[in-house]
Protein backbone atom coordinates (compact mmCIF):
# COMPACT_ATOMS: atom_id res chain seq x y z
CA MET A 1 -0.26 0.03 -0.08
CA HIS A 2 2.93 2.18 0.98
CA ARG A 3 4.70 1.71 -2.36
CA MET A 4 1.13 2.43 -4.31
CA ARG A 5 1.01 5.68 -2.63
CA THR A 6 4.31 6.56 -3.40
CA GLY A 7 3.88 5.29 -7.01
CA LEU A 8 1.26 7.91 -7.43
CA ILE A 9 2.44 10.68 -6.11
CA ALA A 10 5.76 10.43 -8.53
CA ALA A 11 3.00 10.10 -11.24
CA ALA A 12 1.42 13.31 -9.95
CA VAL A 13 4.93 15.16 -9.33
CA LEU A 14 5.80 14.14 -13.16
CA PHE A 15 2.39 15.32 -14.85
CA THR A 16 2.65 18.46 -13.01
CA ILE A 17 6.51 18.94 -13.95
CA ALA A 18 5.98 17.99 -17.61
CA PRO A 19 3.21 20.39 -18.81
CA ALA A 20 5.67 23.09 -17.18
CA ALA A 21 9.19 22.29 -18.83
CA ALA A 22 7.05 22.32 -21.89
CA ARG A 23 5.72 25.65 -21.44
CA GLY A 24 9.41 26.99 -20.12
CA GLY A 25 10.50 25.59 -23.94
CA LYS A 26 8.20 27.18 -25.80
CA GLU A 27 8.19 30.74 -23.81
CA LYS A 28 12.00 30.45 -24.33
CA ALA A 29 11.75 29.61 -27.87
CA GLU A 30 9.58 32.47 -28.23
CA LYS A 31 12.30 34.72 -26.58
CA GLU A 32 14.95 33.66 -28.99
CA GLY A 33 13.59 33.97 -31.99
CA ALA A 34 11.20 32.74 -34.74
CA GLY A 35 8.70 30.58 -35.30
CA THR A 36 6.91 29.12 -38.33
CA ALA A 37 3.56 27.28 -39.04
CA ALA A 38 1.63 26.10 -41.75
CA SER A 39 -1.24 26.44 -40.58
CA HIS A 40 -2.93 27.67 -43.63
CA LEU A 41 -4.94 30.51 -42.07
CA THR A 42 -7.26 32.62 -43.96
CA GLU A 43 -6.60 36.30 -44.29
CA ALA A 44 -10.14 37.00 -41.87
CA GLY A 45 -8.87 34.63 -39.49
CA ALA A 46 -5.51 35.88 -39.14
CA HIS A 47 -6.33 39.68 -38.85
CA LYS A 48 -9.03 39.60 -36.60
CA GLY A 49 -7.13 37.59 -34.28
CA GLY A 50 -9.52 34.74 -33.69
CA ARG A 51 -6.90 32.47 -35.14
CA GLY A 52 -3.20 32.93 -35.06
CA TRP A 53 -1.01 35.10 -33.20
CA THR A 54 -1.97 38.32 -31.21
CA HIS A 55 -1.06 41.52 -33.13
CA GLY A 56 0.38 44.81 -31.53
CA GLU A 57 3.67 43.36 -30.52
CA ASN A 58 6.34 45.58 -31.12
CA GLY A 59 9.53 43.94 -32.56
CA ILE A 60 7.47 40.84 -33.95
CA ILE A 61 6.65 40.28 -37.57
CA HIS A 62 3.71 38.48 -38.24
CA ALA A 63 4.08 37.20 -41.85
CA VAL A 64 2.18 35.25 -44.36
CA ARG A 65 3.45 33.30 -47.68
CA SER A 66 1.63 30.53 -49.91
CA GLY A 67 -0.65 29.55 -46.36
CA GLU A 68 2.67 29.59 -44.40
CA GLU A 69 3.16 31.89 -41.19
CA PHE A 70 5.77 33.20 -39.60
CA ARG A 71 6.12 35.10 -36.39
CA ILE A 72 9.97 36.41 -36.06
CA ARG A 73 10.83 38.44 -33.49
CA VAL A 74 13.25 40.57 -34.88
CA LYS A 75 15.84 40.90 -32.13
CA ASP A 76 16.87 39.25 -28.90
CA SER A 77 17.39 41.00 -25.28
CA HIS A 78 20.02 42.35 -26.29
CA GLY A 79 19.69 44.27 -29.30
CA HIS A 80 20.70 41.58 -31.72
CA ILE A 81 19.08 39.95 -34.70
CA PRO A 82 19.47 36.00 -33.87
CA ASP A 83 20.58 33.49 -35.77
CA ILE A 84 16.78 31.76 -35.55
CA ALA A 85 15.06 35.04 -37.06
CA LEU A 86 17.55 35.08 -39.60
CA LYS A 87 16.45 31.61 -40.65
CA ALA A 88 12.94 32.19 -40.32
CA PHE A 89 13.45 34.98 -42.55
CA GLU A 90 15.47 33.33 -44.81
CA ARG A 91 12.58 30.62 -45.24
CA LEU A 92 10.16 33.26 -45.47
CA MET A 93 11.81 35.15 -48.33
CA LYS A 94 12.82 31.91 -50.37
CA ASP A 95 11.05 30.92 -54.01
CA ARG A 96 10.96 27.16 -55.48
CA THR A 97 14.49 26.89 -55.50
CA THR A 98 16.59 24.55 -53.54
CA VAL A 99 19.68 27.35 -54.07
CA HIS A 100 19.06 30.94 -52.15
CA PRO A 101 21.54 33.53 -50.61
CA PRO A 102 21.22 34.01 -46.84
CA ALA A 103 19.01 36.36 -45.00
CA GLU A 104 19.57 39.62 -45.51
CA PRO A 105 19.85 41.01 -41.76
CA ARG A 106 19.29 44.68 -42.51
CA LEU A 107 16.06 43.92 -44.86
CA LEU A 108 14.62 42.01 -41.83
CA ALA A 109 15.46 44.98 -39.55
CA LEU A 110 13.81 47.16 -41.78
CA LEU A 111 10.82 45.06 -42.12
CA GLY A 112 10.55 44.86 -38.32
CA LEU A 113 10.10 48.64 -38.38
CA VAL A 114 7.46 48.52 -41.23
CA SER A 115 5.40 46.53 -38.72
CA ASP A 116 6.02 48.35 -35.72
CA HIS A 117 4.65 51.13 -37.70
CA PHE A 118 1.76 49.90 -38.98
CA GLY A 119 1.00 48.27 -35.61
CA GLY A 120 2.23 44.49 -35.89
CA ARG A 121 -0.50 43.95 -39.12
CA THR A 122 -0.63 40.65 -40.98
CA ILE A 123 2.34 41.45 -43.68
CA GLU A 124 1.61 39.62 -46.82
CA VAL A 125 4.96 38.37 -48.73
CA ILE A 126 4.38 38.60 -52.77
CA SER A 127 7.74 38.07 -53.45
CA GLY A 128 11.17 37.71 -52.15
CA TYR A 129 14.68 36.48 -53.51
CA ARG A 130 13.87 35.63 -57.09
CA ALA A 131 16.26 33.11 -59.01
CA TYR A 132 17.64 35.07 -62.22
CA SER A 133 16.19 34.99 -65.38
CA PRO A 134 16.83 36.21 -68.84
CA SER A 135 13.61 38.02 -69.04
CA GLN A 136 13.70 40.28 -66.26
CA TYR A 137 13.61 43.92 -66.52
CA ASN A 138 16.59 44.43 -64.32
CA PRO A 139 19.57 42.04 -64.81
CA HIS A 140 20.88 43.04 -61.47
CA SER A 141 17.66 43.05 -59.61
CA ASN A 142 18.31 42.72 -55.68
CA HIS A 143 15.61 40.32 -56.00
CA ASN A 144 17.99 37.88 -56.86
CA TYR A 145 20.73 38.14 -54.21
CA GLY A 146 17.72 38.08 -51.44
CA ARG A 147 17.67 41.86 -50.80
CA ALA A 148 14.30 43.39 -51.99
CA ILE A 149 11.07 41.97 -51.24
CA ASP A 150 7.48 42.59 -52.59
CA PHE A 151 4.65 43.25 -50.02
CA ARG A 152 1.38 44.07 -48.82
CA ILE A 153 -0.48 44.93 -45.33
CA VAL A 154 -3.94 43.74 -44.23
CA GLY A 155 -6.06 46.90 -43.37
CA VAL A 156 -3.45 48.92 -44.72
CA LYS A 157 -3.51 51.24 -48.21
CA ASN A 158 -0.43 50.91 -50.38
CA GLU A 159 0.13 54.38 -50.60
CA GLU A 160 0.49 54.42 -46.65
CA LEU A 161 3.01 51.66 -47.12
CA ARG A 162 4.70 53.59 -49.83
CA ASP A 163 4.92 56.71 -47.76
CA PHE A 164 6.25 55.20 -44.99
CA CYS A 165 8.98 53.01 -46.60
CA ARG A 166 10.01 56.32 -48.30
CA THR A 167 11.52 57.71 -45.05
CA LEU A 168 13.94 54.68 -44.91
CA ARG A 169 17.51 55.38 -45.20
CA ASN A 170 19.42 54.16 -48.46
CA THR A 171 16.70 51.91 -49.97
CA GLY A 172 14.57 51.79 -52.72
CA CYS A 173 11.04 51.54 -52.71
CA GLY A 174 8.51 50.99 -55.93
CA TYR A 175 5.34 51.63 -56.39
CA TYR A 176 2.87 49.70 -58.30
CA PRO A 177 -0.48 51.86 -58.54
CA ASN A 178 -2.18 49.17 -61.28
CA SER A 179 -0.38 46.04 -58.67
CA THR A 180 -0.74 44.71 -55.42
CA PHE A 181 2.32 45.93 -53.17
CA VAL A 182 5.34 47.94 -52.67
CA HIS A 183 8.60 46.93 -53.40
CA LEU A 184 11.33 47.96 -50.83
CA ASP A 185 15.44 46.91 -51.44
CA VAL A 186 18.26 47.78 -49.11
CA ARG A 187 20.90 49.61 -51.16
CA GLU A 188 23.85 52.38 -50.96
CA THR A 189 21.04 55.26 -52.01
CA LYS A 190 17.84 56.19 -51.38
CA ALA A 191 15.87 55.37 -54.33
CA PHE A 192 11.91 56.06 -55.89
CA TRP A 193 10.02 55.08 -58.91
CA ILE A 194 6.42 54.05 -59.91
CA ASP A 195 5.66 51.81 -62.31
CA TRP A 196 2.34 52.82 -64.00
CA SER A 197 2.00 48.74 -66.27
CA ARG A 198 -0.01 46.11 -64.58
CA PRO A 199 0.84 42.70 -64.04
CA GLY A 200 1.71 40.48 -67.31
CA GLU A 201 2.96 44.19 -69.36
CA PRO A 202 6.21 45.28 -69.89
CA PRO A 203 7.31 48.00 -67.32
CA ASP A 204 5.56 51.64 -67.82
CA TYR A 205 8.05 53.78 -65.70
CA ASP A 206 7.66 57.75 -65.57
CA GLY A 207 10.68 58.24 -67.47
CA PRO A 208 14.09 56.01 -68.59
CA GLY A 209 17.68 55.40 -66.73
CA GLY A 210 15.99 55.58 -63.39
CA PRO A 211 16.86 53.46 -60.50
CA GLU A 212 13.83 50.47 -61.02
CA ASP A 213 14.59 47.21 -59.54
CA ASP A 214 11.88 45.37 -60.94
CA GLY A 215 8.61 45.39 -62.89
CA ALA A 216 5.08 44.50 -62.19
CA SER A 217 5.74 41.89 -65.02
CA ASP A 218 8.94 40.28 -63.03
CA VAL A 219 6.96 39.77 -59.77
CA ALA A 220 4.70 37.26 -61.75
CA VAL A 221 6.89 34.83 -62.37
CA ASP A 222 7.38 34.36 -58.47
CA GLY A 223 3.25 33.46 -58.53
CA ALA A 224 0.35 34.50 -57.33
CA PRO A 225 -0.27 36.03 -54.31
CA ALA A 226 -0.30 34.22 -50.87
CA HIS A 227 -3.99 35.55 -50.00
CA PRO A 228 -5.26 37.29 -53.37
CA SER A 229 -7.58 40.44 -51.36
CA PRO A 230 -10.58 41.15 -52.88
CA PRO A 231 -11.70 44.07 -54.07
CA ASP A 232 -12.20 47.14 -52.04
CA PRO A 233 -15.38 48.92 -53.59
CA SER A 234 -14.19 51.79 -51.33
CA ALA A 235 -10.70 51.87 -52.81
CA PRO A 236 -9.47 55.18 -54.70
CA PRO A 237 -8.29 54.60 -58.17
CA GLY A 238 -5.24 53.06 -58.70
CA SER A 239 -6.09 49.47 -57.35
CA ALA A 240 -5.75 46.76 -59.23
CA SER A 241 -8.95 45.80 -60.51
CA THR A 242 -8.96 49.72 -61.55
CA PRO A 243 -6.21 51.05 -63.56
CA ALA A 244 -4.61 54.05 -61.99
CA PRO A 245 -4.50 57.24 -64.90
CA ARG A 246 -1.12 58.40 -65.89
CA ASN A 247 -2.10 61.68 -64.96
CA ALA A 248 -2.76 60.93 -60.92
CA GLU A 249 -0.90 63.14 -58.86
CA ASP A 250 2.85 62.29 -58.57
CA PRO A 251 3.68 60.88 -54.63
CA ALA A 252 6.86 62.06 -55.38
CA LYS A 253 6.03 65.65 -55.19
CA THR A 254 3.84 65.52 -51.92
CA LEU A 255 6.80 64.32 -49.78
């Protein structure tokens, strides 16, 4: 009888310790870096927080690409980008090929700033790293080196996203009024361009000889968006479904 009671007590102690240890391991992983989950959440579920992660956390990127969700803690308690965050970002950025460059730390840090500015809303990644293609507009695109990302943010107009990206130092920002994303890359000097073309069309830039990194037709090579957004009836001219007029106000003159 005494042995039975001893066994029951030991089992109860193990039962109590095991969940606590599991929780401790999870909390440690969240503090040290980032994790991914192929949960295939709907846009509405991720945005409203009914499923998925809680938004509004500074320093944490919530992103989705091709049905896979990412939660990336950009920096550790010492203000450094941990390896586990770079690994998660590398997975977020890669294309269908198995060979791709390592993650660009500065691009990850910039994406973290963008995420914090817009309250940790879900970032939908349209294109990250792209292998070189003879048909691409720029033969030296930053996408080929893993230094550029095309994305949008749930609940944020691309015009607002564009305006904030233009405030970042030593970056390239591309605005595509007739497409569904904003381009951001890291470079030595600041650059901005507008491509009036729609997906599948040749680039239609404001002027020749500019700093353009890629065109809307290049992004089509990477595939369809992770979660195509339904048309917004209240969206102003410039949405993907309504071609923006070429004589629309130039944002370069308003900043």
